[in-house]
Amino acid sequence: MATEEEAEAGSPLDAVMADIRHELVRRVAAADREANRDVYEALEDE
């Protein structure tokens, strides 16, 4: 049975899933910036 400390730390799978989520968010944000480059550039000029 896992101790409370081990449960808070999460499993190795939880760490991998967090890394995957982080990478997906980063890629979606980069794609959004590229797809809407003109909007982002217009906002920078304001």
C-alpha atoms as a PDB file:
ATOM      1  CA  MET A   1       0.000   0.000   0.000  1.00  0.00           C
ATOM      2  CA  ALA A   2       1.328   3.462  -0.895  1.00  0.00           C
ATOM      3  CA  THR A   3       2.059   5.965   1.820  1.00  0.00           C
ATOM      4  CA  GLU A   4       0.501   9.415   1.794  1.00  0.00           C
ATOM      5  CA  GLU A   5       3.844  10.953   0.780  1.00  0.00           C
ATOM      6  CA  GLU A   6       4.148   8.634  -2.217  1.00  0.00           C
ATOM      7  CA  ALA A   7       0.588   9.423  -3.285  1.00  0.00           C
ATOM      8  CA  GLU A   8       1.308  13.176  -3.225  1.00  0.00           C
ATOM      9  CA  ALA A   9       4.438  12.735  -5.330  1.00  0.00           C
ATOM     10  CA  GLY A  10       2.502  10.891  -8.029  1.00  0.00           C
ATOM     11  CA  SER A  11       3.523   7.961 -10.110  1.00  0.00           C
ATOM     12  CA  PRO A  12       6.040   7.990 -12.940  1.00  0.00           C
ATOM     13  CA  LEU A  13       3.070   7.762 -15.293  1.00  0.00           C
ATOM     14  CA  ASP A  14       1.653  10.973 -13.797  1.00  0.00           C
ATOM     15  CA  ALA A  15       4.962  12.719 -14.460  1.00  0.00           C
ATOM     16  CA  VAL A  16       5.023  11.524 -18.065  1.00  0.00           C
ATOM     17  CA  MET A  17       1.413  12.587 -18.608  1.00  0.00           C
ATOM     18  CA  ALA A  18       2.194  16.037 -17.182  1.00  0.00           C
ATOM     19  CA  ASP A  19       5.137  16.353 -19.585  1.00  0.00           C
ATOM     20  CA  ILE A  20       2.929  15.341 -22.506  1.00  0.00           C
ATOM     21  CA  ARG A  21       0.238  17.843 -21.512  1.00  0.00           C
ATOM     22  CA  HIS A  22       2.856  20.589 -21.208  1.00  0.00           C
ATOM     23  CA  GLU A  23       4.262  19.799 -24.665  1.00  0.00           C
ATOM     24  CA  LEU A  24       0.785  19.719 -26.239  1.00  0.00           C
ATOM     25  CA  VAL A  25      -0.085  23.104 -24.746  1.00  0.00           C
ATOM     26  CA  ARG A  26       3.219  24.515 -25.996  1.00  0.00           C
ATOM     27  CA  ARG A  27       2.647  23.177 -29.521  1.00  0.00           C
ATOM     28  CA  VAL A  28      -0.965  24.383 -29.706  1.00  0.00           C
ATOM     29  CA  ALA A  29       0.075  27.845 -28.507  1.00  0.00           C
ATOM     30  CA  ALA A  30       2.876  27.993 -31.093  1.00  0.00           C
ATOM     31  CA  ALA A  31       0.502  26.891 -33.863  1.00  0.00           C
ATOM     32  CA  ASP A  32      -2.060  29.492 -32.757  1.00  0.00           C
ATOM     33  CA  ARG A  33       0.554  32.236 -32.791  1.00  0.00           C
ATOM     34  CA  GLU A  34       1.670  31.210 -36.268  1.00  0.00           C
ATOM     35  CA  ALA A  35      -1.880  30.946 -37.610  1.00  0.00           C
ATOM     36  CA  ASN A  36      -2.778  34.350 -36.180  1.00  0.00           C
ATOM     37  CA  ARG A  37       0.578  36.062 -36.698  1.00  0.00           C
ATOM     38  CA  ASP A  38      -1.026  39.241 -38.104  1.00  0.00           C
ATOM     39  CA  VAL A  39      -3.238  39.652 -35.026  1.00  0.00           C
ATOM     40  CA  TYR A  40      -0.324  39.181 -32.641  1.00  0.00           C
ATOM     41  CA  GLU A  41       1.811  41.656 -34.588  1.00  0.00           C
ATOM     42  CA  ALA A  42      -1.021  44.215 -34.584  1.00  0.00           C
ATOM     43  CA  LEU A  43      -1.368  43.840 -30.813  1.00  0.00           C
ATOM     44  CA  GLU A  44       2.368  44.370 -30.354  1.00  0.00           C
ATOM     45  CA  ASP A  45       2.114  47.678 -32.255  1.00  0.00           C
ATOM     46  CA  GLU A  46      -0.573  49.100 -29.950  1.00  0.00           C
END
